[in-house]
Amino acid sequence: MSPETVVHIGKQAVETVLLASAPMLVTALVVGLVISIFQAATQINEQTMTFVPKIVAVFITMLIFGPWIMEMLVTFTSGIILQIATIGGR
C-alpha cells in the first residue's frame, strides 16, 4: 500500500466523520445560542436549561438524519473493504 493511498483513506475517513457529526453539532450550536440569548434577556442562569434542550434537539436530529448518516458510513466502509480486497488480490 502506497503512502498516497493511506493519506487518501485517512482524508476520506476525516471527511466522513465531519459530515456524519455535522448535523448534530450544528443543531446543538443553534439551540445553545438561542437558549443563551434567552438566558441573557431574562437573566435566568440555570444549567439544566441549556443541557436538556440540547440533548433533545440532538436526539431529534439523529432520528431525522440517521438514515443519511448510516448510508454514508456504509458507503465508506464498503469502499474500504473493496480497497482491501483489491490490495489482497494482487
PDB file of N, CA and C in Angstrom:
ATOM      1  N   MET A   1       0.860  -1.165   0.000  1.00  0.00           N
ATOM      2  CA  MET A   1       0.000   0.000   0.000  1.00  0.00           C
ATOM      3  C   MET A   1       0.912   1.235   0.000  1.00  0.00           C
ATOM      4  N   SER A   2       0.651   2.121  -0.910  1.00  0.00           N
ATOM      5  CA  SER A   2       1.493   3.314  -1.035  1.00  0.00           C
ATOM      6  C   SER A   2       1.096   4.371  -0.002  1.00  0.00           C
ATOM      7  N   PRO A   3       2.011   5.266   0.309  1.00  0.00           N
ATOM      8  CA  PRO A   3       1.677   6.341   1.254  1.00  0.00           C
ATOM      9  C   PRO A   3       0.522   7.219   0.755  1.00  0.00           C
ATOM     10  N   GLU A   4       0.426   7.413  -0.550  1.00  0.00           N
ATOM     11  CA  GLU A   4      -0.659   8.212  -1.104  1.00  0.00           C
ATOM     12  C   GLU A   4      -2.019   7.573  -0.826  1.00  0.00           C
ATOM     13  N   THR A   5      -2.072   6.248  -0.909  1.00  0.00           N
ATOM     14  CA  THR A   5      -3.315   5.535  -0.632  1.00  0.00           C
ATOM     15  C   THR A   5      -3.714   5.692   0.832  1.00  0.00           C
ATOM     16  N   VAL A   6      -2.752   5.587   1.711  1.00  0.00           N
ATOM     17  CA  VAL A   6      -3.026   5.735   3.144  1.00  0.00           C
ATOM     18  C   VAL A   6      -3.517   7.147   3.454  1.00  0.00           C
ATOM     19  N   VAL A   7      -2.872   8.148   2.860  1.00  0.00           N
ATOM     20  CA  VAL A   7      -3.296   9.533   3.071  1.00  0.00           C
ATOM     21  C   VAL A   7      -4.701   9.750   2.519  1.00  0.00           C
ATOM     22  N   HIS A   8      -4.991   9.167   1.361  1.00  0.00           N
ATOM     23  CA  HIS A   8      -6.322   9.306   0.757  1.00  0.00           C
ATOM     24  C   HIS A   8      -7.393   8.668   1.644  1.00  0.00           C
ATOM     25  N   ILE A   9      -7.113   7.486   2.170  1.00  0.00           N
ATOM     26  CA  ILE A   9      -8.071   6.816   3.058  1.00  0.00           C
ATOM     27  C   ILE A   9      -8.262   7.624   4.333  1.00  0.00           C
ATOM     28  N   GLY A  10      -7.175   8.150   4.881  1.00  0.00           N
ATOM     29  CA  GLY A  10      -7.281   8.991   6.072  1.00  0.00           C
ATOM     30  C   GLY A  10      -8.103  10.241   5.816  1.00  0.00           C
ATOM     31  N   LYS A  11      -7.902  10.860   4.659  1.00  0.00           N
ATOM     32  CA  LYS A  11      -8.668  12.053   4.293  1.00  0.00           C
ATOM     33  C   LYS A  11     -10.150  11.720   4.158  1.00  0.00           C
ATOM     34  N   GLN A  12     -10.447  10.601   3.517  1.00  0.00           N
ATOM     35  CA  GLN A  12     -11.845  10.169   3.386  1.00  0.00           C
ATOM     36  C   GLN A  12     -12.466   9.908   4.754  1.00  0.00           C
ATOM     37  N   ALA A  13     -11.706   9.297   5.650  1.00  0.00           N
ATOM     38  CA  ALA A  13     -12.220   8.989   6.986  1.00  0.00           C
ATOM     39  C   ALA A  13     -12.543  10.262   7.754  1.00  0.00           C
ATOM     40  N   VAL A  14     -11.656  11.244   7.701  1.00  0.00           N
ATOM     41  CA  VAL A  14     -11.892  12.508   8.403  1.00  0.00           C
ATOM     42  C   VAL A  14     -13.102  13.227   7.805  1.00  0.00           C
ATOM     43  N   GLU A  15     -13.205  13.260   6.480  1.00  0.00           N
ATOM     44  CA  GLU A  15     -14.353  13.894   5.833  1.00  0.00           C
ATOM     45  C   GLU A  15     -15.659  13.206   6.228  1.00  0.00           C
ATOM     46  N   THR A  16     -15.639  11.879   6.283  1.00  0.00           N
ATOM     47  CA  THR A  16     -16.834  11.129   6.647  1.00  0.00           C
ATOM     48  C   THR A  16     -17.255  11.421   8.080  1.00  0.00           C
ATOM     49  N   VAL A  17     -16.289  11.464   8.988  1.00  0.00           N
ATOM     50  CA  VAL A  17     -16.603  11.766  10.390  1.00  0.00           C
ATOM     51  C   VAL A  17     -17.174  13.170  10.524  1.00  0.00           C
ATOM     52  N   LEU A  18     -16.571  14.132   9.836  1.00  0.00           N
ATOM     53  CA  LEU A  18     -17.066  15.504   9.914  1.00  0.00           C
ATOM     54  C   LEU A  18     -18.474  15.628   9.342  1.00  0.00           C
ATOM     55  N   LEU A  19     -18.728  14.981   8.208  1.00  0.00           N
ATOM     56  CA  LEU A  19     -20.066  15.029   7.618  1.00  0.00           C
ATOM     57  C   LEU A  19     -21.094  14.314   8.486  1.00  0.00           C
ATOM     58  N   ALA A  20     -20.703  13.204   9.108  1.00  0.00           N
ATOM     59  CA  ALA A  20     -21.642  12.447   9.935  1.00  0.00           C
ATOM     60  C   ALA A  20     -21.991  13.192  11.221  1.00  0.00           C
ATOM     61  N   SER A  21     -21.040  13.937  11.760  1.00  0.00           N
ATOM     62  CA  SER A  21     -21.301  14.628  13.018  1.00  0.00           C
ATOM     63  C   SER A  21     -21.831  16.045  12.831  1.00  0.00           C
ATOM     64  N   ALA A  22     -21.732  16.589  11.638  1.00  0.00           N
ATOM     65  CA  ALA A  22     -22.121  17.982  11.392  1.00  0.00           C
ATOM     66  C   ALA A  22     -23.574  18.296  11.753  1.00  0.00           C
ATOM     67  N   PRO A  23     -24.549  17.480  11.380  1.00  0.00           N
ATOM     68  CA  PRO A  23     -25.930  17.842  11.729  1.00  0.00           C
ATOM     69  C   PRO A  23     -26.158  17.984  13.231  1.00  0.00           C
ATOM     70  N   MET A  24     -25.599  17.078  14.023  1.00  0.00           N
ATOM     71  CA  MET A  24     -25.782  17.154  15.463  1.00  0.00           C
ATOM     72  C   MET A  24     -25.042  18.343  16.065  1.00  0.00           C
ATOM     73  N   LEU A  25     -23.842  18.611  15.579  1.00  0.00           N
ATOM     74  CA  LEU A  25     -23.068  19.734  16.103  1.00  0.00           C
ATOM     75  C   LEU A  25     -23.732  21.068  15.785  1.00  0.00           C
ATOM     76  N   VAL A  26     -24.221  21.206  14.557  1.00  0.00           N
ATOM     77  CA  VAL A  26     -24.885  22.456  14.172  1.00  0.00           C
ATOM     78  C   VAL A  26     -26.168  22.648  14.980  1.00  0.00           C
ATOM     79  N   THR A  27     -26.921  21.573  15.167  1.00  0.00           N
ATOM     80  CA  THR A  27     -28.149  21.663  15.952  1.00  0.00           C
ATOM     81  C   THR A  27     -27.852  22.077  17.388  1.00  0.00           C
ATOM     82  N   ALA A  28     -26.863  21.453  18.009  1.00  0.00           N
ATOM     83  CA  ALA A  28     -26.500  21.805  19.382  1.00  0.00           C
ATOM     84  C   ALA A  28     -26.016  23.248  19.465  1.00  0.00           C
ATOM     85  N   LEU A  29     -25.289  23.687  18.460  1.00  0.00           N
ATOM     86  CA  LEU A  29     -24.810  25.068  18.443  1.00  0.00           C
ATOM     87  C   LEU A  29     -25.959  26.063  18.355  1.00  0.00           C
ATOM     88  N   VAL A  30     -26.891  25.804  17.455  1.00  0.00           N
ATOM     89  CA  VAL A  30     -28.031  26.720  17.277  1.00  0.00           C
ATOM     90  C   VAL A  30     -28.913  26.743  18.524  1.00  0.00           C
ATOM     91  N   VAL A  31     -29.225  25.571  19.068  1.00  0.00           N
ATOM     92  CA  VAL A  31     -30.062  25.517  20.266  1.00  0.00           C
ATOM     93  C   VAL A  31     -29.355  26.201  21.431  1.00  0.00           C
ATOM     94  N   GLY A  32     -28.069  25.962  21.585  1.00  0.00           N
ATOM     95  CA  GLY A  32     -27.314  26.613  22.655  1.00  0.00           C
ATOM     96  C   GLY A  32     -27.290  28.122  22.508  1.00  0.00           C
ATOM     97  N   LEU A  33     -27.159  28.596  21.276  1.00  0.00           N
ATOM     98  CA  LEU A  33     -27.153  30.034  21.037  1.00  0.00           C
ATOM     99  C   LEU A  33     -28.503  30.666  21.367  1.00  0.00           C
ATOM    100  N   VAL A  34     -29.581  30.009  20.942  1.00  0.00           N
ATOM    101  CA  VAL A  34     -30.921  30.527  21.227  1.00  0.00           C
ATOM    102  C   VAL A  34     -31.178  30.558  22.735  1.00  0.00           C
ATOM    103  N   ILE A  35     -30.799  29.505  23.418  1.00  0.00           N
ATOM    104  CA  ILE A  35     -31.025  29.452  24.869  1.00  0.00           C
ATOM    105  C   ILE A  35     -30.139  30.481  25.585  1.00  0.00           C
ATOM    106  N   SER A  36     -28.917  30.668  25.109  1.00  0.00           N
ATOM    107  CA  SER A  36     -28.041  31.673  25.725  1.00  0.00           C
ATOM    108  C   SER A  36     -28.617  33.077  25.570  1.00  0.00           C
ATOM    109  N   ILE A  37     -29.165  33.366  24.403  1.00  0.00           N
ATOM    110  CA  ILE A  37     -29.797  34.672  24.200  1.00  0.00           C
ATOM    111  C   ILE A  37     -30.994  34.826  25.127  1.00  0.00           C
ATOM    112  N   PHE A  38     -31.792  33.766  25.247  1.00  0.00           N
ATOM    113  CA  PHE A  38     -32.943  33.806  26.159  1.00  0.00           C
ATOM    114  C   PHE A  38     -32.499  34.017  27.600  1.00  0.00           C
ATOM    115  N   GLN A  39     -31.440  33.309  28.010  1.00  0.00           N
ATOM    116  CA  GLN A  39     -30.941  33.462  29.378  1.00  0.00           C
ATOM    117  C   GLN A  39     -30.394  34.860  29.623  1.00  0.00           C
ATOM    118  N   ALA A  40     -29.729  35.421  28.637  1.00  0.00           N
ATOM    119  CA  ALA A  40     -29.198  36.775  28.802  1.00  0.00           C
ATOM    120  C   ALA A  40     -30.331  37.795  28.886  1.00  0.00           C
ATOM    121  N   ALA A  41     -31.393  37.563  28.136  1.00  0.00           N
ATOM    122  CA  ALA A  41     -32.507  38.501  28.143  1.00  0.00           C
ATOM    123  C   ALA A  41     -33.303  38.423  29.441  1.00  0.00           C
ATOM    124  N   THR A  42     -33.440  37.224  29.992  1.00  0.00           N
ATOM    125  CA  THR A  42     -34.248  37.057  31.202  1.00  0.00           C
ATOM    126  C   THR A  42     -33.413  36.982  32.474  1.00  0.00           C
ATOM    127  N   GLN A  43     -32.108  36.930  32.345  1.00  0.00           N
ATOM    128  CA  GLN A  43     -31.165  36.806  33.461  1.00  0.00           C
ATOM    129  C   GLN A  43     -31.421  35.551  34.295  1.00  0.00           C
ATOM    130  N   ILE A  44     -31.853  34.498  33.639  1.00  0.00           N
ATOM    131  CA  ILE A  44     -32.007  33.186  34.282  1.00  0.00           C
ATOM    132  C   ILE A  44     -30.751  32.384  33.950  1.00  0.00           C
ATOM    133  N   ASN A  45     -30.022  31.949  34.948  1.00  0.00           N
ATOM    134  CA  ASN A  45     -28.796  31.180  34.725  1.00  0.00           C
ATOM    135  C   ASN A  45     -28.942  29.789  35.316  1.00  0.00           C
ATOM    136  N   GLU A  46     -29.707  28.975  34.678  1.00  0.00           N
ATOM    137  CA  GLU A  46     -29.937  27.597  35.113  1.00  0.00           C
ATOM    138  C   GLU A  46     -29.216  26.665  34.137  1.00  0.00           C
ATOM    139  N   GLN A  47     -28.332  25.807  34.653  1.00  0.00           N
ATOM    140  CA  GLN A  47     -27.534  24.938  33.804  1.00  0.00           C
ATOM    141  C   GLN A  47     -28.380  23.900  33.063  1.00  0.00           C
ATOM    142  N   THR A  48     -29.389  23.353  33.738  1.00  0.00           N
ATOM    143  CA  THR A  48     -30.210  22.342  33.089  1.00  0.00           C
ATOM    144  C   THR A  48     -31.037  22.936  31.950  1.00  0.00           C
ATOM    145  N   MET A  49     -31.230  24.241  31.984  1.00  0.00           N
ATOM    146  CA  MET A  49     -31.992  24.887  30.919  1.00  0.00           C
ATOM    147  C   MET A  49     -31.246  24.817  29.584  1.00  0.00           C
ATOM    148  N   THR A  50     -29.939  24.723  29.615  1.00  0.00           N
ATOM    149  CA  THR A  50     -29.183  24.583  28.371  1.00  0.00           C
ATOM    150  C   THR A  50     -28.945  23.121  28.022  1.00  0.00           C
ATOM    151  N   PHE A  51     -28.784  22.286  29.021  1.00  0.00           N
ATOM    152  CA  PHE A  51     -28.410  20.892  28.781  1.00  0.00           C
ATOM    153  C   PHE A  51     -29.548  20.074  28.184  1.00  0.00           C
ATOM    154  N   VAL A  52     -30.710  20.120  28.798  1.00  0.00           N
ATOM    155  CA  VAL A  52     -31.828  19.264  28.383  1.00  0.00           C
ATOM    156  C   VAL A  52     -32.314  19.587  26.962  1.00  0.00           C
ATOM    157  N   PRO A  53     -32.550  20.842  26.608  1.00  0.00           N
ATOM    158  CA  PRO A  53     -32.988  21.110  25.231  1.00  0.00           C
ATOM    159  C   PRO A  53     -31.954  20.708  24.175  1.00  0.00           C
ATOM    160  N   LYS A  54     -30.665  20.859  24.497  1.00  0.00           N
ATOM    161  CA  LYS A  54     -29.638  20.436  23.538  1.00  0.00           C
ATOM    162  C   LYS A  54     -29.699  18.928  23.313  1.00  0.00           C
ATOM    163  N   ILE A  55     -29.828  18.171  24.389  1.00  0.00           N
ATOM    164  CA  ILE A  55     -29.897  16.709  24.264  1.00  0.00           C
ATOM    165  C   ILE A  55     -31.114  16.297  23.449  1.00  0.00           C
ATOM    166  N   VAL A  56     -32.258  16.892  23.739  1.00  0.00           N
ATOM    167  CA  VAL A  56     -33.480  16.564  22.996  1.00  0.00           C
ATOM    168  C   VAL A  56     -33.318  16.929  21.517  1.00  0.00           C
ATOM    169  N   ALA A  57     -32.758  18.105  21.241  1.00  0.00           N
ATOM    170  CA  ALA A  57     -32.568  18.534  19.857  1.00  0.00           C
ATOM    171  C   ALA A  57     -31.603  17.619  19.109  1.00  0.00           C
ATOM    172  N   VAL A  58     -30.548  17.192  19.778  1.00  0.00           N
ATOM    173  CA  VAL A  58     -29.582  16.294  19.140  1.00  0.00           C
ATOM    174  C   VAL A  58     -30.220  14.938  18.860  1.00  0.00           C
ATOM    175  N   PHE A  59     -31.019  14.411  19.788  1.00  0.00           N
ATOM    176  CA  PHE A  59     -31.701  13.142  19.545  1.00  0.00           C
ATOM    177  C   PHE A  59     -32.681  13.245  18.382  1.00  0.00           C
ATOM    178  N   ILE A  60     -33.413  14.332  18.306  1.00  0.00           N
ATOM    179  CA  ILE A  60     -34.348  14.519  17.186  1.00  0.00           C
ATOM    180  C   ILE A  60     -33.576  14.615  15.869  1.00  0.00           C
ATOM    181  N   THR A  61     -32.443  15.318  15.898  1.00  0.00           N
ATOM    182  CA  THR A  61     -31.608  15.422  14.702  1.00  0.00           C
ATOM    183  C   THR A  61     -31.072  14.059  14.296  1.00  0.00           C
ATOM    184  N   MET A  62     -30.702  13.242  15.279  1.00  0.00           N
ATOM    185  CA  MET A  62     -30.227  11.890  14.963  1.00  0.00           C
ATOM    186  C   MET A  62     -31.324  11.058  14.327  1.00  0.00           C
ATOM    187  N   LEU A  63     -32.557  11.222  14.789  1.00  0.00           N
ATOM    188  CA  LEU A  63     -33.670  10.497  14.179  1.00  0.00           C
ATOM    189  C   LEU A  63     -33.908  10.940  12.742  1.00  0.00           C
ATOM    190  N   ILE A  64     -33.785  12.238  12.499  1.00  0.00           N
ATOM    191  CA  ILE A  64     -34.032  12.758  11.159  1.00  0.00           C
ATOM    192  C   ILE A  64     -32.904  12.397  10.197  1.00  0.00           C
ATOM    193  N   PHE A  65     -31.663  12.602  10.628  1.00  0.00           N
ATOM    194  CA  PHE A  65     -30.511  12.397   9.751  1.00  0.00           C
ATOM    195  C   PHE A  65     -29.903  10.999   9.864  1.00  0.00           C
ATOM    196  N   GLY A  66     -30.451  10.143  10.720  1.00  0.00           N
ATOM    197  CA  GLY A  66     -29.897   8.804  10.926  1.00  0.00           C
ATOM    198  C   GLY A  66     -29.752   7.981   9.663  1.00  0.00           C
ATOM    199  N   PRO A  67     -30.793   7.886   8.833  1.00  0.00           N
ATOM    200  CA  PRO A  67     -30.646   7.092   7.605  1.00  0.00           C
ATOM    201  C   PRO A  67     -29.550   7.618   6.671  1.00  0.00           C
ATOM    202  N   TRP A  68     -29.457   8.936   6.564  1.00  0.00           N
ATOM    203  CA  TRP A  68     -28.423   9.523   5.706  1.00  0.00           C
ATOM    204  C   TRP A  68     -27.030   9.227   6.253  1.00  0.00           C
ATOM    205  N   ILE A  69     -26.876   9.334   7.566  1.00  0.00           N
ATOM    206  CA  ILE A  69     -25.586   9.062   8.193  1.00  0.00           C
ATOM    207  C   ILE A  69     -25.208   7.597   8.016  1.00  0.00           C
ATOM    208  N   MET A  70     -26.169   6.708   8.225  1.00  0.00           N
ATOM    209  CA  MET A  70     -25.891   5.274   8.061  1.00  0.00           C
ATOM    210  C   MET A  70     -25.517   4.949   6.617  1.00  0.00           C
ATOM    211  N   GLU A  71     -26.210   5.562   5.664  1.00  0.00           N
ATOM    212  CA  GLU A  71     -25.888   5.321   4.260  1.00  0.00           C
ATOM    213  C   GLU A  71     -24.465   5.784   3.945  1.00  0.00           C
ATOM    214  N   MET A  72     -24.091   6.943   4.470  1.00  0.00           N
ATOM    215  CA  MET A  72     -22.753   7.468   4.239  1.00  0.00           C
ATOM    216  C   MET A  72     -21.694   6.555   4.869  1.00  0.00           C
ATOM    217  N   LEU A  73     -21.940   6.086   6.087  1.00  0.00           N
ATOM    218  CA  LEU A  73     -20.974   5.215   6.762  1.00  0.00           C
ATOM    219  C   LEU A  73     -20.858   3.858   6.070  1.00  0.00           C
ATOM    220  N   VAL A  74     -21.984   3.325   5.618  1.00  0.00           N
ATOM    221  CA  VAL A  74     -21.953   2.039   4.907  1.00  0.00           C
ATOM    222  C   VAL A  74     -21.206   2.187   3.586  1.00  0.00           C
ATOM    223  N   THR A  75     -21.433   3.291   2.880  1.00  0.00           N
ATOM    224  CA  THR A  75     -20.722   3.530   1.620  1.00  0.00           C
ATOM    225  C   THR A  75     -19.221   3.636   1.854  1.00  0.00           C
ATOM    226  N   PHE A  76     -18.819   4.371   2.879  1.00  0.00           N
ATOM    227  CA  PHE A  76     -17.397   4.498   3.199  1.00  0.00           C
ATOM    228  C   PHE A  76     -16.792   3.148   3.570  1.00  0.00           C
ATOM    229  N   THR A  77     -17.488   2.408   4.426  1.00  0.00           N
ATOM    230  CA  THR A  77     -16.976   1.101   4.860  1.00  0.00           C
ATOM    231  C   THR A  77     -16.892   0.125   3.697  1.00  0.00           C
ATOM    232  N   SER A  78     -17.888   0.118   2.842  1.00  0.00           N
ATOM    233  CA  SER A  78     -17.856  -0.758   1.663  1.00  0.00           C
ATOM    234  C   SER A  78     -16.679  -0.410   0.761  1.00  0.00           C
ATOM    235  N   GLY A  79     -16.435   0.882   0.581  1.00  0.00           N
ATOM    236  CA  GLY A  79     -15.299   1.300  -0.234  1.00  0.00           C
ATOM    237  C   GLY A  79     -13.977   0.841   0.353  1.00  0.00           C
ATOM    238  N   ILE A  80     -13.848   0.934   1.660  1.00  0.00           N
ATOM    239  CA  ILE A  80     -12.620   0.482   2.328  1.00  0.00           C
ATOM    240  C   ILE A  80     -12.449  -1.024   2.166  1.00  0.00           C
ATOM    241  N   ILE A  81     -13.531  -1.770   2.348  1.00  0.00           N
ATOM    242  CA  ILE A  81     -13.456  -3.225   2.211  1.00  0.00           C
ATOM    243  C   ILE A  81     -13.095  -3.620   0.787  1.00  0.00           C
ATOM    244  N   LEU A  82     -13.662  -2.924  -0.195  1.00  0.00           N
ATOM    245  CA  LEU A  82     -13.324  -3.209  -1.582  1.00  0.00           C
ATOM    246  C   LEU A  82     -11.858  -2.880  -1.863  1.00  0.00           C
ATOM    247  N   GLN A  83     -11.347  -1.801  -1.298  1.00  0.00           N
ATOM    248  CA  GLN A  83      -9.932  -1.460  -1.478  1.00  0.00           C
ATOM    249  C   GLN A  83      -9.039  -2.522  -0.840  1.00  0.00           C
ATOM    250  N   ILE A  84      -9.440  -3.031   0.310  1.00  0.00           N
ATOM    251  CA  ILE A  84      -8.668  -4.095   0.957  1.00  0.00           C
ATOM    252  C   ILE A  84      -8.686  -5.353   0.098  1.00  0.00           C
ATOM    253  N   ALA A  85      -9.847  -5.658  -0.481  1.00  0.00           N
ATOM    254  CA  ALA A  85      -9.959  -6.848  -1.327  1.00  0.00           C
ATOM    255  C   ALA A  85      -9.087  -6.734  -2.575  1.00  0.00           C
ATOM    256  N   THR A  86      -9.030  -5.545  -3.166  1.00  0.00           N
ATOM    257  CA  THR A  86      -8.196  -5.395  -4.369  1.00  0.00           C
ATOM    258  C   THR A  86      -6.713  -5.406  -4.021  1.00  0.00           C
ATOM    259  N   ILE A  87      -6.353  -4.904  -2.831  1.00  0.00           N
ATOM    260  CA  ILE A  87      -4.942  -4.951  -2.422  1.00  0.00           C
ATOM    261  C   ILE A  87      -4.526  -6.382  -2.137  1.00  0.00           C
ATOM    262  N   GLY A  88      -5.428  -7.139  -1.490  1.00  0.00           N
ATOM    263  CA  GLY A  88      -5.126  -8.538  -1.164  1.00  0.00           C
ATOM    264  C   GLY A  88      -5.092  -9.420  -2.396  1.00  0.00           C
ATOM    265  N   GLY A  89      -5.789  -9.034  -3.458  1.00  0.00           N
ATOM    266  CA  GLY A  89      -5.840  -9.844  -4.670  1.00  0.00           C
ATOM    267  C   GLY A  89      -4.636  -9.694  -5.563  1.00  0.00           C
ATOM    268  N   ARG A  90      -3.748  -8.747  -5.258  1.00  0.00           N
ATOM    269  CA  ARG A  90      -2.583  -8.530  -6.108  1.00  0.00           C
ATOM    270  C   ARG A  90      -1.571  -9.617  -5.992  1.00  0.00           C
TER     271      ARG A  90
END
